[in-house]
C-alpha atoms as a PDB file:
ATOM      1  CA  MET A   1       1.806  15.402  -9.324  1.00  0.00           C
ATOM      2  CA  ARG A   2       2.039  11.919 -10.775  1.00  0.00           C
ATOM      3  CA  LEU A   3       5.839  12.119 -10.996  1.00  0.00           C
ATOM      4  CA  GLN A   4       6.071  13.200  -7.356  1.00  0.00           C
ATOM      5  CA  PHE A   5       3.849  10.287  -6.379  1.00  0.00           C
ATOM      6  CA  ILE A   6       6.064   7.822  -8.269  1.00  0.00           C
ATOM      7  CA  ILE A   7       9.211   9.244  -6.677  1.00  0.00           C
ATOM      8  CA  PHE A   8       7.668   9.147  -3.183  1.00  0.00           C
ATOM      9  CA  ILE A   9       6.533   5.511  -3.537  1.00  0.00           C
ATOM     10  CA  THR A  10       9.896   4.468  -4.974  1.00  0.00           C
ATOM     11  CA  LEU A  11      11.796   6.195  -2.167  1.00  0.00           C
ATOM     12  CA  GLY A  12       9.551   4.540   0.430  1.00  0.00           C
ATOM     13  CA  THR A  13      10.074   1.120  -1.102  1.00  0.00           C
ATOM     14  CA  SER A  14      13.821   1.730  -1.292  1.00  0.00           C
ATOM     15  CA  LEU A  15      13.831   2.739   2.372  1.00  0.00           C
ATOM     16  CA  ILE A  16      12.075  -0.493   3.347  1.00  0.00           C
ATOM     17  CA  LEU A  17      14.593  -2.508   1.330  1.00  0.00           C
ATOM     18  CA  TRP A  18      17.548  -0.586   2.800  1.00  0.00           C
ATOM     19  CA  LEU A  19      16.321  -1.082   6.382  1.00  0.00           C
ATOM     20  CA  GLU A  20      15.508  -4.759   5.947  1.00  0.00           C
ATOM     21  CA  TRP A  21      18.543  -5.840   3.913  1.00  0.00           C
ATOM     22  CA  PRO A  22      20.850  -6.474   6.924  1.00  0.00           C
ATOM     23  CA  LYS A  23      18.226  -8.868   8.327  1.00  0.00           C
ATOM     24  CA  LEU A  24      17.888 -10.554   4.931  1.00  0.00           C
ATOM     25  CA  LYS A  25      21.578 -11.486   4.840  1.00  0.00           C
ATOM     26  CA  LYS A  26      20.847 -14.220   7.400  1.00  0.00           C
ATOM     27  CA  TRP A  27      18.055 -15.677   5.259  1.00  0.00           C
ATOM     28  CA  GLY A  28      18.385 -18.131   2.418  1.00  0.00           C
ATOM     29  CA  THR A  29      17.986 -17.452  -1.268  1.00  0.00           C
ATOM     30  CA  LYS A  30      14.338 -18.533  -1.383  1.00  0.00           C
ATOM     31  CA  GLU A  31      13.364 -16.234   1.474  1.00  0.00           C
ATOM     32  CA  LYS A  32      15.131 -13.310  -0.182  1.00  0.00           C
ATOM     33  CA  ALA A  33      13.358 -14.047  -3.466  1.00  0.00           C
ATOM     34  CA  VAL A  34       9.965 -14.141  -1.734  1.00  0.00           C
ATOM     35  CA  PHE A  35      10.649 -10.883   0.102  1.00  0.00           C
ATOM     36  CA  LEU A  36      11.803  -9.090  -3.037  1.00  0.00           C
ATOM     37  CA  SER A  37       8.887 -10.494  -5.041  1.00  0.00           C
ATOM     38  CA  LEU A  38       6.334  -9.329  -2.489  1.00  0.00           C
ATOM     39  CA  LEU A  39       7.967  -5.925  -2.271  1.00  0.00           C
ATOM     40  CA  ALA A  40       7.897  -5.621  -6.070  1.00  0.00           C
ATOM     41  CA  VAL A  41       4.234  -6.656  -6.244  1.00  0.00           C
ATOM     42  CA  ILE A  42       3.288  -4.136  -3.566  1.00  0.00           C
ATOM     43  CA  TRP A  43       5.307  -1.452  -5.370  1.00  0.00           C
ATOM     44  CA  ILE A  44       3.417  -2.164  -8.602  1.00  0.00           C
ATOM     45  CA  PHE A  45       0.004  -2.257  -6.878  1.00  0.00           C
ATOM     46  CA  LEU A  46       0.652   1.154  -5.359  1.00  0.00           C
ATOM     47  CA  PHE A  47       0.685   2.638  -8.852  1.00  0.00           C
ATOM     48  CA  LEU A  48      -2.728   1.261  -9.780  1.00  0.00           C
ATOM     49  CA  ASP A  49      -4.693   4.490  -9.478  1.00  0.00           C
ATOM     50  CA  VAL A  50      -4.171   4.914  -5.742  1.00  0.00           C
ATOM     51  CA  PRO A  51      -5.045   8.637  -5.715  1.00  0.00           C
ATOM     52  CA  ASP A  52      -8.539   7.796  -7.026  1.00  0.00           C
ATOM     53  CA  THR A  53      -9.135   4.940  -4.604  1.00  0.00           C
ATOM     54  CA  PRO A  54     -12.018   5.587  -2.187  1.00  0.00           C
ATOM     55  CA  GLY A  55     -10.897   6.301   1.334  1.00  0.00           C
ATOM     56  CA  THR A  56     -12.344   5.830   4.782  1.00  0.00           C
ATOM     57  CA  PRO A  57     -15.225   8.327   4.401  1.00  0.00           C
ATOM     58  CA  THR A  58     -16.490   6.479   1.317  1.00  0.00           C
ATOM     59  CA  VAL A  59     -16.395   3.156   3.152  1.00  0.00           C
ATOM     60  CA  ASP A  60     -18.153   4.672   6.178  1.00  0.00           C
ATOM     61  CA  GLU A  61     -20.866   6.143   3.990  1.00  0.00           C
ATOM     62  CA  PHE A  62     -21.376   2.802   2.245  1.00  0.00           C
ATOM     63  CA  LEU A  63     -21.662   0.920   5.550  1.00  0.00           C
ATOM     64  CA  PHE A  64     -23.829   3.357   7.482  1.00  0.00           C
ATOM     65  CA  LYS A  65     -26.078   4.803   4.766  1.00  0.00           C
ATOM     66  CA  PRO A  66     -28.764   2.128   5.329  1.00  0.00           C
ATOM     67  CA  LEU A  67     -28.835   3.042   9.035  1.00  0.00           C
ATOM     68  CA  LYS A  68     -29.257   6.754   8.336  1.00  0.00           C
ATOM     69  CA  SER A  69     -33.044   6.404   7.998  1.00  0.00           C
ATOM     70  CA  LEU A  70     -33.244   4.794  11.443  1.00  0.00           C
ATOM     71  CA  ILE A  71     -31.341   7.615  13.135  1.00  0.00           C
ATOM     72  CA  GLN A  72     -32.953  10.635  11.504  1.00  0.00           C
ATOM     73  CA  PRO A  73     -36.651  11.381  12.203  1.00  0.00           C
END
C-alpha cells in the first residue's frame, strides 16, 4: 500500500511538472528554481503520514461537537 501511494504521488507530481514545463521555458532561472523548489517541498510533505491525517469528518466533529448539546434535547 505504501509503495503504491509513493508511486501515485510521484506520478502526479511528474504530471504537473510535464504539463507546466512548456510554460516555464518563458520564465527566468529564478522563477524556475522557485517553482521546482515548491513542487519538491509539496512532494515531500505529501509523504508525511498523509493516510493517517484526519479528514473532513474529523474537522466537522471538532467544530460542531460543542453545538451538539444545543441541538439534541
